[in-house]
Amino acid sequence: MRQIIAQPLTSDAFAPFGDVLEATGDFRLINAGLCRRHHDRARLDFGDARAGISIFQADPRALPYSFDLIERHPEGSQAFLPMTADPFLVIVAPDPQAKPRAFLTNGAQGINLHRGTWHGVLTPLAAPGIFAVVDRIGTTPNLEEHRYTEPWTVLAP
């Protein structure tokens, strides 16, 4: 069995794949000093199409978690913003032949996957698994899938 140990999601570890969206670090005060704006946290990329916001509701999974499917969106970035304060699992890979990596969010993080990043499917670890998703809306195909011949299993840290 091929195994991956999930690691905490950090900006540095996730940088090759995308952006971590969280309210940490530098900010500017807005709204009469009552709100901290953590400005410009993701590199959104939609090419010649437009940005759209969709709502996804995914069935929750549990660790250990087995998977054999990864996908990518060659025409645009894709951001996942949880609408609950529950951790979720993020699986990414540099390419289908490389060993995937698994990250666990802390319940107060979202992610933005860079254009073309190979990733697992949306994997909430608690119900209701609702996410706002900001991604490319266009007329050309924007999905490629890869199935592994042998599944990977993600283990808890």
C-alpha atoms as a PDB file:
ATOM      1  CA  MET A   1       0.000   0.000   0.000  1.00  0.00           C
ATOM      2  CA  ARG A   2       1.347   3.439  -0.957  1.00  0.00           C
ATOM      3  CA  GLN A   3       1.056   5.859   1.953  1.00  0.00           C
ATOM      4  CA  ILE A   4       1.327   9.578   2.564  1.00  0.00           C
ATOM      5  CA  ILE A   5       1.473  11.223   5.992  1.00  0.00           C
ATOM      6  CA  ALA A   6      -0.646  14.374   6.059  1.00  0.00           C
ATOM      7  CA  GLN A   7       1.187  17.461   7.279  1.00  0.00           C
ATOM      8  CA  PRO A   8      -0.138  20.781   8.545  1.00  0.00           C
ATOM      9  CA  LEU A   9      -0.875  23.297   5.804  1.00  0.00           C
ATOM     10  CA  THR A  10       1.668  26.131   5.801  1.00  0.00           C
ATOM     11  CA  SER A  11       2.320  28.841   3.239  1.00  0.00           C
ATOM     12  CA  ASP A  12       5.925  27.754   2.700  1.00  0.00           C
ATOM     13  CA  ALA A  13       5.176  24.046   2.213  1.00  0.00           C
ATOM     14  CA  PHE A  14       2.223  24.754  -0.091  1.00  0.00           C
ATOM     15  CA  ALA A  15       3.895  27.513  -2.165  1.00  0.00           C
ATOM     16  CA  PRO A  16       4.806  25.287  -5.172  1.00  0.00           C
ATOM     17  CA  PHE A  17       1.102  24.407  -5.570  1.00  0.00           C
ATOM     18  CA  GLY A  18      -0.794  27.550  -4.614  1.00  0.00           C
ATOM     19  CA  ASP A  19      -1.649  30.056  -1.915  1.00  0.00           C
ATOM     20  CA  VAL A  20      -2.823  29.540   1.666  1.00  0.00           C
ATOM     21  CA  LEU A  21      -5.708  31.852   2.480  1.00  0.00           C
ATOM     22  CA  GLU A  22      -5.781  32.833   6.143  1.00  0.00           C
ATOM     23  CA  ALA A  23      -6.024  35.876   8.383  1.00  0.00           C
ATOM     24  CA  THR A  24      -2.398  35.995   9.546  1.00  0.00           C
ATOM     25  CA  GLY A  25       0.523  38.339   9.023  1.00  0.00           C
ATOM     26  CA  ASP A  26       0.371  41.871   7.671  1.00  0.00           C
ATOM     27  CA  PHE A  27      -2.953  43.683   7.490  1.00  0.00           C
ATOM     28  CA  ARG A  28      -4.411  47.126   7.162  1.00  0.00           C
ATOM     29  CA  LEU A  29      -7.245  48.478   9.265  1.00  0.00           C
ATOM     30  CA  ILE A  30     -10.466  49.381   7.444  1.00  0.00           C
ATOM     31  CA  ASN A  31     -14.068  50.119   8.440  1.00  0.00           C
ATOM     32  CA  ALA A  32     -13.201  52.754  11.006  1.00  0.00           C
ATOM     33  CA  GLY A  33     -10.526  50.501  12.506  1.00  0.00           C
ATOM     34  CA  LEU A  34     -12.931  47.637  13.220  1.00  0.00           C
ATOM     35  CA  CYS A  35     -11.739  45.251  10.500  1.00  0.00           C
ATOM     36  CA  ARG A  36      -8.309  43.852   9.566  1.00  0.00           C
ATOM     37  CA  ARG A  37      -7.847  43.476   5.815  1.00  0.00           C
ATOM     38  CA  HIS A  38      -5.246  40.825   4.985  1.00  0.00           C
ATOM     39  CA  HIS A  39      -4.782  42.117   1.463  1.00  0.00           C
ATOM     40  CA  ASP A  40      -4.271  40.304  -1.866  1.00  0.00           C
ATOM     41  CA  ARG A  41      -3.691  36.777  -0.541  1.00  0.00           C
ATOM     42  CA  ALA A  42      -4.017  34.787  -3.794  1.00  0.00           C
ATOM     43  CA  ARG A  43      -2.759  34.875  -7.344  1.00  0.00           C
ATOM     44  CA  LEU A  44      -6.035  34.383  -9.224  1.00  0.00           C
ATOM     45  CA  ASP A  45      -5.560  33.423 -12.863  1.00  0.00           C
ATOM     46  CA  PHE A  46      -8.467  32.921 -15.259  1.00  0.00           C
ATOM     47  CA  GLY A  47      -6.747  33.516 -18.587  1.00  0.00           C
ATOM     48  CA  ASP A  48      -9.190  34.857 -21.160  1.00  0.00           C
ATOM     49  CA  ALA A  49     -12.275  33.837 -19.154  1.00  0.00           C
ATOM     50  CA  ARG A  50     -13.992  35.392 -16.158  1.00  0.00           C
ATOM     51  CA  ALA A  51     -14.029  34.595 -12.446  1.00  0.00           C
ATOM     52  CA  GLY A  52     -17.074  32.926 -10.981  1.00  0.00           C
ATOM     53  CA  ILE A  53     -18.135  31.899  -7.495  1.00  0.00           C
ATOM     54  CA  SER A  54     -19.814  28.513  -7.059  1.00  0.00           C
ATOM     55  CA  ILE A  55     -20.936  26.689  -3.927  1.00  0.00           C
ATOM     56  CA  PHE A  56     -19.758  23.082  -3.527  1.00  0.00           C
ATOM     57  CA  GLN A  57     -21.200  20.624  -1.002  1.00  0.00           C
ATOM     58  CA  ALA A  58     -18.985  17.544  -0.679  1.00  0.00           C
ATOM     59  CA  ASP A  59     -19.535  14.414   1.370  1.00  0.00           C
ATOM     60  CA  PRO A  60     -17.187  14.234   4.364  1.00  0.00           C
ATOM     61  CA  ARG A  61     -14.356  11.693   4.442  1.00  0.00           C
ATOM     62  CA  ALA A  62     -12.155  10.393   7.258  1.00  0.00           C
ATOM     63  CA  LEU A  63      -8.499   9.530   7.749  1.00  0.00           C
ATOM     64  CA  PRO A  64      -7.053   7.202   6.707  1.00  0.00           C
ATOM     65  CA  TYR A  65      -8.300   8.240   3.270  1.00  0.00           C
ATOM     66  CA  SER A  66      -7.604   6.319   0.057  1.00  0.00           C
ATOM     67  CA  PHE A  67      -7.683   7.904  -3.391  1.00  0.00           C
ATOM     68  CA  ASP A  68      -6.756   7.061  -6.964  1.00  0.00           C
ATOM     69  CA  LEU A  69      -7.883  10.207  -8.805  1.00  0.00           C
ATOM     70  CA  ILE A  70      -6.187  13.575  -9.218  1.00  0.00           C
ATOM     71  CA  GLU A  71      -7.153  16.386 -11.552  1.00  0.00           C
ATOM     72  CA  ARG A  72      -5.989  19.765 -12.765  1.00  0.00           C
ATOM     73  CA  HIS A  73      -7.409  22.861 -14.396  1.00  0.00           C
ATOM     74  CA  PRO A  74      -4.995  23.999 -17.132  1.00  0.00           C
ATOM     75  CA  GLU A  75      -6.904  27.199 -17.951  1.00  0.00           C
ATOM     76  CA  GLY A  76      -7.253  28.773 -14.513  1.00  0.00           C
ATOM     77  CA  SER A  77      -6.664  28.842 -10.781  1.00  0.00           C
ATOM     78  CA  GLN A  78      -9.195  27.466  -8.305  1.00  0.00           C
ATOM     79  CA  ALA A  79      -9.766  28.765  -4.755  1.00  0.00           C
ATOM     80  CA  PHE A  80     -11.582  26.824  -2.022  1.00  0.00           C
ATOM     81  CA  LEU A  81     -13.020  28.841   0.858  1.00  0.00           C
ATOM     82  CA  PRO A  82     -14.694  26.700   3.535  1.00  0.00           C
ATOM     83  CA  MET A  83     -17.989  28.049   4.798  1.00  0.00           C
ATOM     84  CA  THR A  84     -17.573  26.276   8.155  1.00  0.00           C
ATOM     85  CA  ALA A  85     -14.672  26.248  10.614  1.00  0.00           C
ATOM     86  CA  ASP A  86     -13.760  22.601   9.985  1.00  0.00           C
ATOM     87  CA  PRO A  87     -10.418  21.237   8.762  1.00  0.00           C
ATOM     88  CA  PHE A  88     -10.215  19.680   5.309  1.00  0.00           C
ATOM     89  CA  LEU A  89      -7.660  17.597   3.476  1.00  0.00           C
ATOM     90  CA  VAL A  90      -5.708  18.992   0.511  1.00  0.00           C
ATOM     91  CA  ILE A  91      -3.880  16.604  -1.823  1.00  0.00           C
ATOM     92  CA  VAL A  92      -1.487  17.955  -4.468  1.00  0.00           C
ATOM     93  CA  ALA A  93       1.225  16.612  -6.753  1.00  0.00           C
ATOM     94  CA  PRO A  94       3.808  18.219  -9.049  1.00  0.00           C
ATOM     95  CA  ASP A  95       2.737  15.767 -11.770  1.00  0.00           C
ATOM     96  CA  PRO A  96       0.963  12.381 -11.978  1.00  0.00           C
ATOM     97  CA  GLN A  97       4.243  10.429 -11.777  1.00  0.00           C
ATOM     98  CA  ALA A  98       5.432  12.153  -8.573  1.00  0.00           C
ATOM     99  CA  LYS A  99       4.475  11.145  -5.057  1.00  0.00           C
ATOM    100  CA  PRO A 100       1.477  13.249  -3.973  1.00  0.00           C
ATOM    101  CA  ARG A 101       1.576  15.393  -0.848  1.00  0.00           C
ATOM    102  CA  ALA A 102      -1.238  15.792   1.663  1.00  0.00           C
ATOM    103  CA  PHE A 103      -1.963  18.790   3.863  1.00  0.00           C
ATOM    104  CA  LEU A 104      -4.467  19.303   6.676  1.00  0.00           C
ATOM    105  CA  THR A 105      -5.980  22.743   7.090  1.00  0.00           C
ATOM    106  CA  ASN A 106      -6.505  24.062  10.602  1.00  0.00           C
ATOM    107  CA  GLY A 107     -10.185  24.994  10.213  1.00  0.00           C
ATOM    108  CA  ALA A 108      -9.429  28.679   9.524  1.00  0.00           C
ATOM    109  CA  GLN A 109      -7.652  28.308   6.169  1.00  0.00           C
ATOM    110  CA  GLY A 110      -8.679  28.210   2.540  1.00  0.00           C
ATOM    111  CA  ILE A 111      -6.495  27.511  -0.481  1.00  0.00           C
ATOM    112  CA  ASN A 112      -5.975  28.791  -3.994  1.00  0.00           C
ATOM    113  CA  LEU A 113      -4.565  26.207  -6.402  1.00  0.00           C
ATOM    114  CA  HIS A 114      -2.389  27.699  -9.124  1.00  0.00           C
ATOM    115  CA  ARG A 115      -3.363  27.112 -12.740  1.00  0.00           C
ATOM    116  CA  GLY A 116      -2.409  23.593 -13.823  1.00  0.00           C
ATOM    117  CA  THR A 117      -1.745  22.213 -10.313  1.00  0.00           C
ATOM    118  CA  TRP A 118      -2.546  18.517  -9.984  1.00  0.00           C
ATOM    119  CA  HIS A 119      -4.796  18.000  -6.946  1.00  0.00           C
ATOM    120  CA  GLY A 120      -7.170  15.595  -5.281  1.00  0.00           C
ATOM    121  CA  VAL A 121     -10.905  16.086  -5.147  1.00  0.00           C
ATOM    122  CA  LEU A 122     -12.519  18.273  -2.488  1.00  0.00           C
ATOM    123  CA  THR A 123     -12.092  16.357   0.781  1.00  0.00           C
ATOM    124  CA  PRO A 124     -13.867  17.810   3.822  1.00  0.00           C
ATOM    125  CA  LEU A 125     -13.356  15.938   7.081  1.00  0.00           C
ATOM    126  CA  ALA A 126     -16.678  17.015   8.650  1.00  0.00           C
ATOM    127  CA  ALA A 127     -20.228  17.655   7.482  1.00  0.00           C
ATOM    128  CA  PRO A 128     -21.679  19.691   5.893  1.00  0.00           C
ATOM    129  CA  GLY A 129     -18.619  20.155   3.620  1.00  0.00           C
ATOM    130  CA  ILE A 130     -19.764  23.456   2.104  1.00  0.00           C
ATOM    131  CA  PHE A 131     -17.232  25.618   0.232  1.00  0.00           C
ATOM    132  CA  ALA A 132     -17.332  28.772  -1.835  1.00  0.00           C
ATOM    133  CA  VAL A 133     -15.183  28.088  -4.891  1.00  0.00           C
ATOM    134  CA  VAL A 134     -13.713  30.864  -7.027  1.00  0.00           C
ATOM    135  CA  ASP A 135     -12.633  29.585 -10.414  1.00  0.00           C
ATOM    136  CA  ARG A 136     -12.670  30.086 -14.163  1.00  0.00           C
ATOM    137  CA  ILE A 137     -15.950  30.340 -16.023  1.00  0.00           C
ATOM    138  CA  GLY A 138     -15.372  29.943 -19.752  1.00  0.00           C
ATOM    139  CA  THR A 139     -16.413  28.071 -22.859  1.00  0.00           C
ATOM    140  CA  THR A 140     -13.302  25.909 -23.344  1.00  0.00           C
ATOM    141  CA  PRO A 141     -12.505  22.690 -21.408  1.00  0.00           C
ATOM    142  CA  ASN A 142     -10.675  23.193 -18.136  1.00  0.00           C
ATOM    143  CA  LEU A 143     -10.399  19.752 -16.571  1.00  0.00           C
ATOM    144  CA  GLU A 144      -7.858  16.953 -16.956  1.00  0.00           C
ATOM    145  CA  GLU A 145      -7.995  13.814 -14.799  1.00  0.00           C
ATOM    146  CA  HIS A 146      -5.451  11.124 -13.949  1.00  0.00           C
ATOM    147  CA  ARG A 147      -6.204   7.781 -12.278  1.00  0.00           C
ATOM    148  CA  TYR A 148      -3.405   5.982 -10.457  1.00  0.00           C
ATOM    149  CA  THR A 149      -3.070   2.273 -11.171  1.00  0.00           C
ATOM    150  CA  GLU A 150      -2.602   1.727  -7.413  1.00  0.00           C
ATOM    151  CA  PRO A 151      -4.344   3.909  -4.820  1.00  0.00           C
ATOM    152  CA  TRP A 152      -2.599   6.129  -2.298  1.00  0.00           C
ATOM    153  CA  THR A 153      -3.645   6.227   1.367  1.00  0.00           C
ATOM    154  CA  VAL A 154      -3.341   9.400   3.437  1.00  0.00           C
ATOM    155  CA  LEU A 155      -2.629   8.824   7.125  1.00  0.00           C
ATOM    156  CA  ALA A 156      -3.158  11.202  10.016  1.00  0.00           C
ATOM    157  CA  PRO A 157      -0.032  12.983  11.272  1.00  0.00           C
END
